[in-house]
């Protein structure tokens, strides 16, 4: 399967809050794993986390690609095309 256009054009912005999920840090929430938006650098929590802020960020902004922000992981996910890269 060919890589989707969103994954092939994804940027590599600096993390806005490298210490954790932006919304969870502000609200005192907790996360399981972290994801970084490859359009703006937003750090959000994964769908296994109570608040699912990374997916919420996609629905709020339309930014299509996120990447794992976990040490040793580099996989990326396109929300639009439901494709991993």
N, C-alpha and C. Protein backbone atom coordinates (compact mmCIF):
# COMPACT_ATOMS: atom_id res chain seq x y z
N UNK A 1 0.84 -1.17 0.00
CA UNK A 1 0.00 0.00 0.00
C UNK A 1 0.89 1.24 0.00
N UNK A 2 0.57 2.19 -0.84
CA UNK A 2 1.33 3.44 -0.91
C UNK A 2 1.04 4.29 0.33
N UNK A 3 2.04 5.03 0.75
CA UNK A 3 1.87 5.93 1.89
C UNK A 3 0.94 7.07 1.49
N UNK A 4 0.07 7.48 2.39
CA UNK A 4 -0.89 8.54 2.06
C UNK A 4 -0.17 9.88 1.94
N UNK A 5 -0.83 10.81 1.28
CA UNK A 5 -0.27 12.14 1.04
C UNK A 5 0.03 12.87 2.34
N UNK A 6 -0.83 12.73 3.34
CA UNK A 6 -0.62 13.42 4.62
C UNK A 6 0.66 12.96 5.30
N UNK A 7 0.88 11.64 5.30
CA UNK A 7 2.09 11.10 5.93
C UNK A 7 3.34 11.53 5.17
N UNK A 8 3.27 11.52 3.84
CA UNK A 8 4.45 11.87 3.06
C UNK A 8 4.80 13.35 3.16
N UNK A 9 3.83 14.20 3.49
CA UNK A 9 4.07 15.64 3.59
C UNK A 9 4.17 16.13 5.03
N UNK A 10 4.12 15.24 6.01
CA UNK A 10 4.14 15.63 7.42
C UNK A 10 5.43 16.36 7.77
N UNK A 11 5.30 17.38 8.60
CA UNK A 11 6.43 18.18 9.05
C UNK A 11 7.05 17.55 10.30
N UNK A 12 7.95 18.25 10.96
CA UNK A 12 8.61 17.76 12.16
C UNK A 12 8.78 18.91 13.17
N UNK A 13 7.67 19.48 13.65
CA UNK A 13 7.77 20.63 14.55
C UNK A 13 8.25 20.23 15.94
N UNK A 14 8.82 21.18 16.63
CA UNK A 14 9.24 20.96 18.02
C UNK A 14 8.01 20.75 18.89
N UNK A 15 8.16 19.95 19.93
CA UNK A 15 7.07 19.70 20.88
C UNK A 15 6.79 20.96 21.68
N UNK A 16 5.51 21.33 21.78
CA UNK A 16 5.13 22.52 22.55
C UNK A 16 5.29 22.29 24.05
N UNK A 17 4.95 21.11 24.52
CA UNK A 17 5.06 20.79 25.95
C UNK A 17 5.76 19.43 26.09
N UNK A 18 7.08 19.40 25.95
CA UNK A 18 7.79 18.12 25.98
C UNK A 18 7.66 17.37 27.31
N UNK A 19 7.18 18.04 28.34
CA UNK A 19 7.03 17.38 29.64
C UNK A 19 5.74 16.59 29.75
N UNK A 20 4.81 16.72 28.78
CA UNK A 20 3.59 15.92 28.84
C UNK A 20 2.44 16.49 28.03
N UNK A 21 1.28 15.88 28.16
CA UNK A 21 0.07 16.29 27.46
C UNK A 21 -0.31 17.71 27.88
N UNK A 22 -0.45 18.57 26.92
CA UNK A 22 -0.73 19.99 27.18
C UNK A 22 -1.99 20.18 28.03
N UNK A 23 -3.08 19.54 27.63
CA UNK A 23 -4.35 19.70 28.35
C UNK A 23 -4.32 19.03 29.72
N UNK A 24 -3.73 17.84 29.81
CA UNK A 24 -3.65 17.14 31.09
C UNK A 24 -2.79 17.92 32.08
N UNK A 25 -1.71 18.52 31.61
CA UNK A 25 -0.87 19.32 32.50
C UNK A 25 -1.66 20.51 33.04
N UNK A 26 -2.48 21.13 32.18
CA UNK A 26 -3.27 22.29 32.59
C UNK A 26 -4.39 21.93 33.56
N UNK A 27 -4.96 20.73 33.41
CA UNK A 27 -6.12 20.34 34.21
C UNK A 27 -5.79 19.39 35.37
N UNK A 28 -4.57 18.94 35.44
CA UNK A 28 -4.20 17.97 36.47
C UNK A 28 -4.58 16.55 36.11
N UNK A 29 -4.83 16.31 34.82
CA UNK A 29 -5.19 14.98 34.35
C UNK A 29 -3.99 14.06 34.25
N UNK A 30 -4.23 12.85 33.78
CA UNK A 30 -3.15 11.87 33.63
C UNK A 30 -3.22 11.27 32.23
N UNK A 31 -2.11 10.71 31.79
CA UNK A 31 -2.05 10.09 30.48
C UNK A 31 -1.34 8.76 30.56
N UNK A 32 -1.54 7.95 29.50
CA UNK A 32 -0.87 6.65 29.39
C UNK A 32 0.33 6.80 28.46
N UNK A 33 0.09 7.29 27.24
CA UNK A 33 1.15 7.52 26.26
C UNK A 33 0.92 8.88 25.62
N UNK A 34 1.98 9.43 25.02
CA UNK A 34 1.90 10.76 24.42
C UNK A 34 2.04 10.70 22.91
N UNK A 35 1.40 11.65 22.23
CA UNK A 35 1.44 11.79 20.78
C UNK A 35 1.74 13.25 20.43
N UNK A 36 2.52 13.47 19.36
CA UNK A 36 2.88 14.82 18.91
C UNK A 36 2.25 15.10 17.56
N UNK A 37 1.55 16.21 17.46
CA UNK A 37 0.97 16.64 16.18
C UNK A 37 2.11 17.07 15.26
N UNK A 38 2.14 16.55 14.05
CA UNK A 38 3.23 16.88 13.13
C UNK A 38 2.94 18.11 12.29
N UNK A 39 1.88 18.83 12.64
CA UNK A 39 1.63 20.12 12.00
C UNK A 39 2.02 21.27 12.92
N UNK A 40 1.68 21.15 14.21
CA UNK A 40 1.91 22.29 15.12
C UNK A 40 2.74 21.95 16.35
N UNK A 41 3.04 20.68 16.61
CA UNK A 41 3.84 20.30 17.77
C UNK A 41 3.05 20.10 19.05
N UNK A 42 1.72 20.15 18.97
CA UNK A 42 0.88 19.91 20.16
C UNK A 42 1.16 18.52 20.70
N UNK A 43 1.30 18.40 22.02
CA UNK A 43 1.46 17.10 22.66
C UNK A 43 0.14 16.75 23.33
N UNK A 44 -0.42 15.61 22.95
CA UNK A 44 -1.67 15.14 23.52
C UNK A 44 -1.55 13.70 23.96
N UNK A 45 -2.50 13.28 24.78
CA UNK A 45 -2.48 11.91 25.27
C UNK A 45 -3.20 10.98 24.30
N UNK A 46 -2.82 9.70 24.34
CA UNK A 46 -3.33 8.69 23.42
C UNK A 46 -4.77 8.27 23.73
N UNK A 47 -5.34 7.44 22.89
CA UNK A 47 -6.71 6.97 23.08
C UNK A 47 -6.86 5.98 24.22
N UNK A 48 -5.76 5.48 24.79
CA UNK A 48 -5.83 4.65 25.99
C UNK A 48 -5.88 5.51 27.25
N UNK A 49 -5.64 6.79 27.10
CA UNK A 49 -5.70 7.73 28.21
C UNK A 49 -7.14 8.18 28.42
N UNK A 50 -7.51 8.58 29.64
CA UNK A 50 -8.89 8.95 29.91
C UNK A 50 -9.45 10.05 29.00
N UNK A 51 -8.66 11.07 28.69
CA UNK A 51 -9.20 12.22 27.96
C UNK A 51 -8.97 12.19 26.44
N UNK A 52 -8.08 11.34 25.95
CA UNK A 52 -7.85 11.18 24.50
C UNK A 52 -7.59 12.52 23.80
N UNK A 53 -6.69 13.32 24.35
CA UNK A 53 -6.47 14.67 23.82
C UNK A 53 -5.84 14.71 22.43
N UNK A 54 -5.04 13.72 22.05
CA UNK A 54 -4.45 13.73 20.70
C UNK A 54 -5.54 13.62 19.64
N UNK A 55 -6.48 12.71 19.82
CA UNK A 55 -7.59 12.58 18.88
C UNK A 55 -8.47 13.82 18.93
N UNK A 56 -8.69 14.35 20.12
CA UNK A 56 -9.47 15.58 20.26
C UNK A 56 -8.83 16.73 19.52
N UNK A 57 -7.51 16.80 19.55
CA UNK A 57 -6.79 17.85 18.83
C UNK A 57 -7.05 17.74 17.33
N UNK A 58 -7.02 16.51 16.81
CA UNK A 58 -7.33 16.31 15.39
C UNK A 58 -8.74 16.81 15.07
N UNK A 59 -9.73 16.42 15.86
CA UNK A 59 -11.11 16.82 15.59
C UNK A 59 -11.30 18.33 15.70
N UNK A 60 -10.54 18.96 16.59
CA UNK A 60 -10.64 20.40 16.79
C UNK A 60 -9.94 21.19 15.70
N UNK A 61 -8.79 20.70 15.23
CA UNK A 61 -7.96 21.47 14.31
C UNK A 61 -7.93 20.95 12.87
N UNK A 62 -8.19 19.64 12.70
CA UNK A 62 -8.06 19.03 11.38
C UNK A 62 -6.63 18.68 11.02
N UNK A 63 -5.69 18.85 11.96
CA UNK A 63 -4.30 18.48 11.69
C UNK A 63 -4.24 16.96 11.55
N UNK A 64 -3.84 16.45 10.38
CA UNK A 64 -4.06 15.04 10.06
C UNK A 64 -3.09 14.01 10.64
N UNK A 65 -1.86 14.39 10.94
CA UNK A 65 -0.86 13.37 11.29
C UNK A 65 -0.28 13.61 12.69
N UNK A 66 -0.21 12.55 13.46
CA UNK A 66 0.46 12.59 14.75
C UNK A 66 1.51 11.48 14.78
N UNK A 67 2.46 11.66 15.69
CA UNK A 67 3.53 10.69 15.85
C UNK A 67 3.64 10.32 17.33
N UNK A 68 4.01 9.09 17.58
CA UNK A 68 4.24 8.69 18.97
C UNK A 68 5.31 9.60 19.56
N UNK A 69 5.09 10.03 20.78
CA UNK A 69 6.06 10.86 21.49
C UNK A 69 6.66 10.06 22.65
N UNK A 70 6.69 8.74 22.47
CA UNK A 70 7.27 7.85 23.47
C UNK A 70 8.71 7.54 23.10
N UNK A 71 9.61 7.46 24.09
CA UNK A 71 11.01 7.14 23.81
C UNK A 71 11.14 5.83 23.02
N UNK A 72 11.94 5.87 21.96
CA UNK A 72 12.20 4.68 21.16
C UNK A 72 11.14 4.37 20.12
N UNK A 73 10.06 5.16 20.04
CA UNK A 73 9.02 4.94 19.04
C UNK A 73 9.01 6.08 18.04
N UNK A 74 8.83 5.74 16.77
CA UNK A 74 8.80 6.79 15.74
C UNK A 74 7.63 6.64 14.77
N UNK A 75 6.71 5.72 15.04
CA UNK A 75 5.60 5.51 14.12
C UNK A 75 4.69 6.74 14.08
N UNK A 76 4.02 6.89 12.94
CA UNK A 76 3.12 8.01 12.72
C UNK A 76 1.75 7.48 12.32
N UNK A 77 0.71 8.28 12.55
CA UNK A 77 -0.66 7.90 12.22
C UNK A 77 -1.38 9.04 11.54
N UNK A 78 -2.04 8.74 10.40
CA UNK A 78 -2.86 9.72 9.71
C UNK A 78 -4.31 9.47 10.10
N UNK A 79 -4.93 10.44 10.76
CA UNK A 79 -6.33 10.33 11.17
C UNK A 79 -7.27 10.32 9.96
N UNK A 80 -6.94 11.09 8.93
CA UNK A 80 -7.81 11.22 7.76
C UNK A 80 -7.91 9.91 7.00
N UNK A 81 -6.78 9.28 6.73
CA UNK A 81 -6.75 8.07 5.93
C UNK A 81 -6.64 6.79 6.75
N UNK A 82 -6.64 6.90 8.08
CA UNK A 82 -6.49 5.74 8.97
C UNK A 82 -5.32 4.86 8.52
N UNK A 83 -4.18 5.50 8.34
CA UNK A 83 -3.00 4.79 7.85
C UNK A 83 -1.79 5.08 8.75
N UNK A 84 -1.03 4.04 9.02
CA UNK A 84 0.18 4.17 9.80
C UNK A 84 1.38 4.31 8.87
N UNK A 85 2.33 5.10 9.30
CA UNK A 85 3.51 5.28 8.46
C UNK A 85 4.77 5.27 9.27
